[in-house]
Amino acid sequence: MTKYLLIYENGDLSSAPTHFSAHREAWNTFVQRGVLIMIGPVVSSPVFGALAVFTTREDAEAFAKSDPFVIHGVVSRWSVAEWKEALTS
């Protein structure tokens, strides 16, 4: 089954706490619609960014374009990649 990965690269993380509530509200809207499956930071050193898994490319792009983290520079760059799910439960 095809899914779409939204890939975020970190920008100015110092402003993340200021915009986190609005960011969470934005993602909850997509979760409630059933189009956002997972979201979270990539934990590495140094921290790279975050990933989110969507059911459609259109929803992944719509989320990124409206996400307060993107709008306010917490995310410096984003992209969407098609992902072919090979193993399901």
PDB file of N, CA and C in Angstrom:
ATOM      1  N   MET A   1       0.841  -1.172   0.000  1.00  0.00           N
ATOM      2  CA  MET A   1       0.000   0.000   0.000  1.00  0.00           C
ATOM      3  C   MET A   1       0.894   1.246   0.000  1.00  0.00           C
ATOM      4  N   THR A   2       0.551   2.227  -0.788  1.00  0.00           N
ATOM      5  CA  THR A   2       1.347   3.446  -0.892  1.00  0.00           C
ATOM      6  C   THR A   2       0.976   4.435   0.205  1.00  0.00           C
ATOM      7  N   LYS A   3       1.996   4.987   0.810  1.00  0.00           N
ATOM      8  CA  LYS A   3       1.852   6.067   1.786  1.00  0.00           C
ATOM      9  C   LYS A   3       2.783   7.193   1.332  1.00  0.00           C
ATOM     10  N   TYR A   4       2.714   8.318   2.023  1.00  0.00           N
ATOM     11  CA  TYR A   4       3.542   9.469   1.657  1.00  0.00           C
ATOM     12  C   TYR A   4       4.234   9.999   2.897  1.00  0.00           C
ATOM     13  N   LEU A   5       5.566  10.102   2.817  1.00  0.00           N
ATOM     14  CA  LEU A   5       6.373  10.607   3.914  1.00  0.00           C
ATOM     15  C   LEU A   5       6.583  12.104   3.746  1.00  0.00           C
ATOM     16  N   LEU A   6       6.220  12.847   4.767  1.00  0.00           N
ATOM     17  CA  LEU A   6       6.541  14.262   4.816  1.00  0.00           C
ATOM     18  C   LEU A   6       7.835  14.365   5.605  1.00  0.00           C
ATOM     19  N   ILE A   7       8.858  14.917   4.979  1.00  0.00           N
ATOM     20  CA  ILE A   7      10.194  14.981   5.561  1.00  0.00           C
ATOM     21  C   ILE A   7      10.513  16.438   5.884  1.00  0.00           C
ATOM     22  N   TYR A   8      10.779  16.694   7.155  1.00  0.00           N
ATOM     23  CA  TYR A   8      11.110  18.041   7.613  1.00  0.00           C
ATOM     24  C   TYR A   8      12.589  18.120   7.958  1.00  0.00           C
ATOM     25  N   GLU A   9      13.218  19.234   7.585  1.00  0.00           N
ATOM     26  CA  GLU A   9      14.570  19.553   8.026  1.00  0.00           C
ATOM     27  C   GLU A   9      14.471  20.719   8.992  1.00  0.00           C
ATOM     28  N   ASN A  10      15.213  20.615  10.081  1.00  0.00           N
ATOM     29  CA  ASN A  10      15.152  21.649  11.116  1.00  0.00           C
ATOM     30  C   ASN A  10      15.607  23.004  10.604  1.00  0.00           C
ATOM     31  N   GLY A  11      14.929  24.026  11.132  1.00  0.00           N
ATOM     32  CA  GLY A  11      15.311  25.409  10.919  1.00  0.00           C
ATOM     33  C   GLY A  11      15.680  26.003  12.268  1.00  0.00           C
ATOM     34  N   ASP A  12      14.996  27.067  12.648  1.00  0.00           N
ATOM     35  CA  ASP A  12      15.248  27.753  13.913  1.00  0.00           C
ATOM     36  C   ASP A  12      14.464  27.075  15.036  1.00  0.00           C
ATOM     37  N   LEU A  13      15.099  26.123  15.696  1.00  0.00           N
ATOM     38  CA  LEU A  13      14.422  25.361  16.751  1.00  0.00           C
ATOM     39  C   LEU A  13      14.129  26.184  17.990  1.00  0.00           C
ATOM     40  N   SER A  14      14.779  27.323  18.141  1.00  0.00           N
ATOM     41  CA  SER A  14      14.538  28.140  19.338  1.00  0.00           C
ATOM     42  C   SER A  14      13.097  28.638  19.403  1.00  0.00           C
ATOM     43  N   SER A  15      12.423  28.741  18.267  1.00  0.00           N
ATOM     44  CA  SER A  15      11.036  29.209  18.270  1.00  0.00           C
ATOM     45  C   SER A  15      10.020  28.063  18.326  1.00  0.00           C
ATOM     46  N   ALA A  16      10.486  26.823  18.373  1.00  0.00           N
ATOM     47  CA  ALA A  16       9.568  25.673  18.407  1.00  0.00           C
ATOM     48  C   ALA A  16       8.606  25.709  19.593  1.00  0.00           C
ATOM     49  N   PRO A  17       9.065  25.991  20.821  1.00  0.00           N
ATOM     50  CA  PRO A  17       8.118  26.006  21.946  1.00  0.00           C
ATOM     51  C   PRO A  17       6.985  27.019  21.769  1.00  0.00           C
ATOM     52  N   THR A  18       7.285  28.141  21.163  1.00  0.00           N
ATOM     53  CA  THR A  18       6.278  29.182  20.942  1.00  0.00           C
ATOM     54  C   THR A  18       5.166  28.702  20.015  1.00  0.00           C
ATOM     55  N   HIS A  19       5.513  27.886  19.014  1.00  0.00           N
ATOM     56  CA  HIS A  19       4.556  27.488  17.978  1.00  0.00           C
ATOM     57  C   HIS A  19       4.075  26.047  18.129  1.00  0.00           C
ATOM     58  N   PHE A  20       4.517  25.350  19.193  1.00  0.00           N
ATOM     59  CA  PHE A  20       4.189  23.927  19.306  1.00  0.00           C
ATOM     60  C   PHE A  20       2.693  23.674  19.454  1.00  0.00           C
ATOM     61  N   SER A  21       1.971  24.446  20.249  1.00  0.00           N
ATOM     62  CA  SER A  21       0.527  24.203  20.418  1.00  0.00           C
ATOM     63  C   SER A  21      -0.215  24.290  19.098  1.00  0.00           C
ATOM     64  N   ALA A  22       0.088  25.311  18.312  1.00  0.00           N
ATOM     65  CA  ALA A  22      -0.571  25.463  17.011  1.00  0.00           C
ATOM     66  C   ALA A  22      -0.165  24.340  16.059  1.00  0.00           C
ATOM     67  N   HIS A  23       1.086  23.907  16.132  1.00  0.00           N
ATOM     68  CA  HIS A  23       1.573  22.779  15.336  1.00  0.00           C
ATOM     69  C   HIS A  23       0.786  21.520  15.701  1.00  0.00           C
ATOM     70  N   ARG A  24       0.613  21.268  17.004  1.00  0.00           N
ATOM     71  CA  ARG A  24      -0.129  20.087  17.459  1.00  0.00           C
ATOM     72  C   ARG A  24      -1.597  20.166  17.036  1.00  0.00           C
ATOM     73  N   GLU A  25      -2.202  21.327  17.128  1.00  0.00           N
ATOM     74  CA  GLU A  25      -3.589  21.495  16.672  1.00  0.00           C
ATOM     75  C   GLU A  25      -3.702  21.172  15.184  1.00  0.00           C
ATOM     76  N   ALA A  26      -2.735  21.639  14.414  1.00  0.00           N
ATOM     77  CA  ALA A  26      -2.742  21.369  12.974  1.00  0.00           C
ATOM     78  C   ALA A  26      -2.667  19.877  12.706  1.00  0.00           C
ATOM     79  N   TRP A  27      -1.749  19.176  13.390  1.00  0.00           N
ATOM     80  CA  TRP A  27      -1.635  17.747  13.112  1.00  0.00           C
ATOM     81  C   TRP A  27      -2.866  17.012  13.604  1.00  0.00           C
ATOM     82  N   ASN A  28      -3.470  17.421  14.724  1.00  0.00           N
ATOM     83  CA  ASN A  28      -4.679  16.747  15.214  1.00  0.00           C
ATOM     84  C   ASN A  28      -5.835  16.844  14.225  1.00  0.00           C
ATOM     85  N   THR A  29      -5.924  17.938  13.507  1.00  0.00           N
ATOM     86  CA  THR A  29      -6.952  18.087  12.472  1.00  0.00           C
ATOM     87  C   THR A  29      -6.800  17.000  11.413  1.00  0.00           C
ATOM     88  N   PHE A  30      -5.565  16.734  11.001  1.00  0.00           N
ATOM     89  CA  PHE A  30      -5.313  15.727   9.974  1.00  0.00           C
ATOM     90  C   PHE A  30      -5.491  14.310  10.531  1.00  0.00           C
ATOM     91  N   VAL A  31      -5.151  14.110  11.795  1.00  0.00           N
ATOM     92  CA  VAL A  31      -5.378  12.811  12.439  1.00  0.00           C
ATOM     93  C   VAL A  31      -6.875  12.521  12.494  1.00  0.00           C
ATOM     94  N   GLN A  32      -7.664  13.505  12.902  1.00  0.00           N
ATOM     95  CA  GLN A  32      -9.115  13.326  13.002  1.00  0.00           C
ATOM     96  C   GLN A  32      -9.743  13.022  11.653  1.00  0.00           C
ATOM     97  N   ARG A  33      -9.165  13.546  10.590  1.00  0.00           N
ATOM     98  CA  ARG A  33      -9.658  13.252   9.238  1.00  0.00           C
ATOM     99  C   ARG A  33      -9.218  11.871   8.756  1.00  0.00           C
ATOM    100  N   GLY A  34      -8.297  11.232   9.494  1.00  0.00           N
ATOM    101  CA  GLY A  34      -7.843   9.895   9.130  1.00  0.00           C
ATOM    102  C   GLY A  34      -6.783   9.852   8.058  1.00  0.00           C
ATOM    103  N   VAL A  35      -6.110  10.976   7.804  1.00  0.00           N
ATOM    104  CA  VAL A  35      -5.113  11.014   6.728  1.00  0.00           C
ATOM    105  C   VAL A  35      -3.681  11.118   7.229  1.00  0.00           C
ATOM    106  N   LEU A  36      -3.504  11.417   8.523  1.00  0.00           N
ATOM    107  CA  LEU A  36      -2.173  11.441   9.138  1.00  0.00           C
ATOM    108  C   LEU A  36      -2.072  10.235  10.053  1.00  0.00           C
ATOM    109  N   ILE A  37      -1.132   9.342   9.753  1.00  0.00           N
ATOM    110  CA  ILE A  37      -0.996   8.076  10.472  1.00  0.00           C
ATOM    111  C   ILE A  37       0.006   8.171  11.608  1.00  0.00           C
ATOM    112  N   MET A  38       1.133   8.835  11.373  1.00  0.00           N
ATOM    113  CA  MET A  38       2.203   8.972  12.372  1.00  0.00           C
ATOM    114  C   MET A  38       2.917  10.294  12.152  1.00  0.00           C
ATOM    115  N   ILE A  39       3.491  10.821  13.251  1.00  0.00           N
ATOM    116  CA  ILE A  39       4.289  12.036  13.154  1.00  0.00           C
ATOM    117  C   ILE A  39       5.263  12.062  14.329  1.00  0.00           C
ATOM    118  N   GLY A  40       6.465  12.546  14.088  1.00  0.00           N
ATOM    119  CA  GLY A  40       7.403  12.658  15.195  1.00  0.00           C
ATOM    120  C   GLY A  40       8.791  13.051  14.735  1.00  0.00           C
ATOM    121  N   PRO A  41       9.617  13.474  15.705  1.00  0.00           N
ATOM    122  CA  PRO A  41      10.983  13.887  15.391  1.00  0.00           C
ATOM    123  C   PRO A  41      11.877  12.692  15.080  1.00  0.00           C
ATOM    124  N   VAL A  42      12.876  12.945  14.255  1.00  0.00           N
ATOM    125  CA  VAL A  42      13.934  11.971  14.024  1.00  0.00           C
ATOM    126  C   VAL A  42      14.977  12.248  15.098  1.00  0.00           C
ATOM    127  N   VAL A  43      15.223  11.259  15.936  1.00  0.00           N
ATOM    128  CA  VAL A  43      16.130  11.453  17.060  1.00  0.00           C
ATOM    129  C   VAL A  43      17.512  10.941  16.663  1.00  0.00           C
ATOM    130  N   SER A  44      18.404  11.889  16.432  1.00  0.00           N
ATOM    131  CA  SER A  44      19.787  11.561  16.079  1.00  0.00           C
ATOM    132  C   SER A  44      20.657  12.713  16.553  1.00  0.00           C
ATOM    133  N   SER A  45      21.919  12.605  16.311  1.00  0.00           N
ATOM    134  CA  SER A  45      22.809  13.670  16.736  1.00  0.00           C
ATOM    135  C   SER A  45      23.599  14.155  15.530  1.00  0.00           C
ATOM    136  N   PRO A  46      23.462  15.332  15.048  1.00  0.00           N
ATOM    137  CA  PRO A  46      22.490  16.318  15.514  1.00  0.00           C
ATOM    138  C   PRO A  46      21.087  15.966  15.010  1.00  0.00           C
ATOM    139  N   VAL A  47      20.076  16.511  15.639  1.00  0.00           N
ATOM    140  CA  VAL A  47      18.697  16.220  15.242  1.00  0.00           C
ATOM    141  C   VAL A  47      18.476  16.726  13.825  1.00  0.00           C
ATOM    142  N   PHE A  48      17.955  15.861  12.986  1.00  0.00           N
ATOM    143  CA  PHE A  48      17.749  16.143  11.574  1.00  0.00           C
ATOM    144  C   PHE A  48      16.457  16.902  11.320  1.00  0.00           C
ATOM    145  N   GLY A  49      15.378  16.447  11.925  1.00  0.00           N
ATOM    146  CA  GLY A  49      14.070  17.030  11.643  1.00  0.00           C
ATOM    147  C   GLY A  49      12.976  16.108  12.119  1.00  0.00           C
ATOM    148  N   ALA A  50      12.011  15.873  11.252  1.00  0.00           N
ATOM    149  CA  ALA A  50      10.875  15.040  11.625  1.00  0.00           C
ATOM    150  C   ALA A  50      10.317  14.354  10.393  1.00  0.00           C
ATOM    151  N   LEU A  51       9.518  13.329  10.652  1.00  0.00           N
ATOM    152  CA  LEU A  51       8.820  12.602   9.597  1.00  0.00           C
ATOM    153  C   LEU A  51       7.344  12.497   9.966  1.00  0.00           C
ATOM    154  N   ALA A  52       6.512  12.483   8.962  1.00  0.00           N
ATOM    155  CA  ALA A  52       5.091  12.212   9.147  1.00  0.00           C
ATOM    156  C   ALA A  52       4.657  11.292   8.017  1.00  0.00           C
ATOM    157  N   VAL A  53       3.718  10.412   8.296  1.00  0.00           N
ATOM    158  CA  VAL A  53       3.214   9.467   7.305  1.00  0.00           C
ATOM    159  C   VAL A  53       1.754   9.816   7.007  1.00  0.00           C
ATOM    160  N   PHE A  54       1.463  10.075   5.739  1.00  0.00           N
ATOM    161  CA  PHE A  54       0.128  10.451   5.289  1.00  0.00           C
ATOM    162  C   PHE A  54      -0.417   9.431   4.295  1.00  0.00           C
ATOM    163  N   THR A  55      -1.724   9.422   4.147  1.00  0.00           N
ATOM    164  CA  THR A  55      -2.359   8.506   3.195  1.00  0.00           C
ATOM    165  C   THR A  55      -2.343   9.050   1.771  1.00  0.00           C
ATOM    166  N   THR A  56      -2.216  10.378   1.611  1.00  0.00           N
ATOM    167  CA  THR A  56      -2.154  10.957   0.264  1.00  0.00           C
ATOM    168  C   THR A  56      -1.084  12.041   0.198  1.00  0.00           C
ATOM    169  N   ARG A  57      -0.540  12.224  -0.986  1.00  0.00           N
ATOM    170  CA  ARG A  57       0.438  13.298  -1.221  1.00  0.00           C
ATOM    171  C   ARG A  57      -0.214  14.656  -0.995  1.00  0.00           C
ATOM    172  N   GLU A  58      -1.448  14.801  -1.449  1.00  0.00           N
ATOM    173  CA  GLU A  58      -2.144  16.079  -1.328  1.00  0.00           C
ATOM    174  C   GLU A  58      -2.286  16.502   0.134  1.00  0.00           C
ATOM    175  N   ASP A  59      -2.619  15.547   0.996  1.00  0.00           N
ATOM    176  CA  ASP A  59      -2.754  15.865   2.417  1.00  0.00           C
ATOM    177  C   ASP A  59      -1.405  16.193   3.047  1.00  0.00           C
ATOM    178  N   ALA A  60      -0.357  15.488   2.660  1.00  0.00           N
ATOM    179  CA  ALA A  60       0.979  15.786   3.180  1.00  0.00           C
ATOM    180  C   ALA A  60       1.391  17.204   2.791  1.00  0.00           C
ATOM    181  N   GLU A  61       1.165  17.578   1.555  1.00  0.00           N
ATOM    182  CA  GLU A  61       1.516  18.919   1.082  1.00  0.00           C
ATOM    183  C   GLU A  61       0.648  19.990   1.745  1.00  0.00           C
ATOM    184  N   ALA A  62      -0.643  19.712   1.895  1.00  0.00           N
ATOM    185  CA  ALA A  62      -1.549  20.672   2.537  1.00  0.00           C
ATOM    186  C   ALA A  62      -1.134  20.915   3.979  1.00  0.00           C
ATOM    187  N   PHE A  63      -0.761  19.844   4.681  1.00  0.00           N
ATOM    188  CA  PHE A  63      -0.312  19.992   6.056  1.00  0.00           C
ATOM    189  C   PHE A  63       0.930  20.876   6.115  1.00  0.00           C
ATOM    190  N   ALA A  64       1.934  20.557   5.304  1.00  0.00           N
ATOM    191  CA  ALA A  64       3.187  21.322   5.337  1.00  0.00           C
ATOM    192  C   ALA A  64       2.956  22.796   5.025  1.00  0.00           C
ATOM    193  N   LYS A  65       2.136  23.078   4.051  1.00  0.00           N
ATOM    194  CA  LYS A  65       1.903  24.467   3.649  1.00  0.00           C
ATOM    195  C   LYS A  65       1.185  25.274   4.732  1.00  0.00           C
ATOM    196  N   SER A  66       0.433  24.594   5.605  1.00  0.00           N
ATOM    197  CA  SER A  66      -0.324  25.305   6.635  1.00  0.00           C
ATOM    198  C   SER A  66       0.271  25.149   8.035  1.00  0.00           C
ATOM    199  N   ASP A  67       1.329  24.354   8.177  1.00  0.00           N
ATOM    200  CA  ASP A  67       1.909  24.064   9.486  1.00  0.00           C
ATOM    201  C   ASP A  67       2.620  25.289  10.060  1.00  0.00           C
ATOM    202  N   PRO A  68       2.253  25.707  11.291  1.00  0.00           N
ATOM    203  CA  PRO A  68       2.943  26.835  11.918  1.00  0.00           C
ATOM    204  C   PRO A  68       4.457  26.653  12.019  1.00  0.00           C
ATOM    205  N   PHE A  69       4.931  25.423  12.131  1.00  0.00           N
ATOM    206  CA  PHE A  69       6.382  25.198  12.176  1.00  0.00           C
ATOM    207  C   PHE A  69       7.034  25.613  10.853  1.00  0.00           C
ATOM    208  N   VAL A  70       6.372  25.362   9.745  1.00  0.00           N
ATOM    209  CA  VAL A  70       6.900  25.772   8.435  1.00  0.00           C
ATOM    210  C   VAL A  70       6.764  27.285   8.286  1.00  0.00           C
ATOM    211  N   ILE A  71       5.596  27.803   8.601  1.00  0.00           N
ATOM    212  CA  ILE A  71       5.307  29.229   8.432  1.00  0.00           C
ATOM    213  C   ILE A  71       6.268  30.099   9.243  1.00  0.00           C
ATOM    214  N   HIS A  72       6.635  29.636  10.446  1.00  0.00           N
ATOM    215  CA  HIS A  72       7.468  30.449  11.340  1.00  0.00           C
ATOM    216  C   HIS A  72       8.941  30.037  11.362  1.00  0.00           C
ATOM    217  N   GLY A  73       9.371  29.195  10.414  1.00  0.00           N
ATOM    218  CA  GLY A  73      10.790  28.899  10.261  1.00  0.00           C
ATOM    219  C   GLY A  73      11.372  27.849  11.181  1.00  0.00           C
ATOM    220  N   VAL A  74      10.540  27.168  11.968  1.00  0.00           N
ATOM    221  CA  VAL A  74      11.048  26.055  12.785  1.00  0.00           C
ATOM    222  C   VAL A  74      11.542  24.948  11.843  1.00  0.00           C
ATOM    223  N   VAL A  75      10.867  24.813  10.718  1.00  0.00           N
ATOM    224  CA  VAL A  75      11.258  23.885   9.647  1.00  0.00           C
ATOM    225  C   VAL A  75      11.871  24.720   8.532  1.00  0.00           C
ATOM    226  N   SER A  76      13.094  24.346   8.112  1.00  0.00           N
ATOM    227  CA  SER A  76      13.768  25.115   7.063  1.00  0.00           C
ATOM    228  C   SER A  76      13.379  24.645   5.663  1.00  0.00           C
ATOM    229  N   ARG A  77      13.115  23.348   5.547  1.00  0.00           N
ATOM    230  CA  ARG A  77      12.798  22.755   4.250  1.00  0.00           C
ATOM    231  C   ARG A  77      11.922  21.541   4.465  1.00  0.00           C
ATOM    232  N   TRP A  78      11.049  21.262   3.502  1.00  0.00           N
ATOM    233  CA  TRP A  78      10.248  20.049   3.577  1.00  0.00           C
ATOM    234  C   TRP A  78      10.118  19.455   2.190  1.00  0.00           C
ATOM    235  N   SER A  79       9.842  18.148   2.176  1.00  0.00           N
ATOM    236  CA  SER A  79       9.596  17.443   0.919  1.00  0.00           C
ATOM    237  C   SER A  79       8.652  16.279   1.197  1.00  0.00           C
ATOM    238  N   VAL A  80       8.086  15.749   0.133  1.00  0.00           N
ATOM    239  CA  VAL A  80       7.190  14.594   0.237  1.00  0.00           C
ATOM    240  C   VAL A  80       7.749  13.500  -0.643  1.00  0.00           C
ATOM    241  N   ALA A  81       7.827  12.291  -0.090  1.00  0.00           N
ATOM    242  CA  ALA A  81       8.323  11.134  -0.845  1.00  0.00           C
ATOM    243  C   ALA A  81       7.278  10.025  -0.814  1.00  0.00           C
ATOM    244  N   GLU A  82       7.083   9.391  -1.955  1.00  0.00           N
ATOM    245  CA  GLU A  82       6.187   8.231  -2.021  1.00  0.00           C
ATOM    246  C   GLU A  82       6.879   7.052  -1.350  1.00  0.00           C
ATOM    247  N   TRP A  83       6.139   6.322  -0.556  1.00  0.00           N
ATOM    248  CA  TRP A  83       6.694   5.188   0.187  1.00  0.00           C
ATOM    249  C   TRP A  83       5.803   3.977  -0.036  1.00  0.00           C
ATOM    250  N   LYS A  84       6.401   2.891  -0.454  1.00  0.00           N
ATOM    251  CA  LYS A  84       5.665   1.644  -0.678  1.00  0.00           C
ATOM    252  C   LYS A  84       5.797   0.777   0.572  1.00  0.00           C
ATOM    253  N   GLU A  85       4.715   0.629   1.274  1.00  0.00           N
ATOM    254  CA  GLU A  85       4.680  -0.176   2.488  1.00  0.00           C
ATOM    255  C   GLU A  85       4.790  -1.655   2.109  1.00  0.00           C
ATOM    256  N   ALA A  86       5.792  -2.345   2.644  1.00  0.00           N
ATOM    257  CA  ALA A  86       6.023  -3.741   2.294  1.00  0.00           C
ATOM    258  C   ALA A  86       5.543  -4.716   3.369  1.00  0.00           C
ATOM    259  N   LEU A  87       5.595  -4.303   4.626  1.00  0.00           N
ATOM    260  CA  LEU A  87       5.236  -5.187   5.728  1.00  0.00           C
ATOM    261  C   LEU A  87       4.114  -4.539   6.518  1.00  0.00           C
ATOM    262  N   THR A  88       3.006  -5.225   6.627  1.00  0.00           N
ATOM    263  CA  THR A  88       1.884  -4.727   7.413  1.00  0.00           C
ATOM    264  C   THR A  88       1.539  -5.742   8.474  1.00  0.00           C
ATOM    265  N   SER A  89       0.908  -5.269   9.522  1.00  0.00           N
ATOM    266  CA  SER A  89       0.576  -6.185  10.615  1.00  0.00           C
ATOM    267  C   SER A  89      -0.651  -7.005  10.322  1.00  0.00           C
TER     268      SER A  89
END
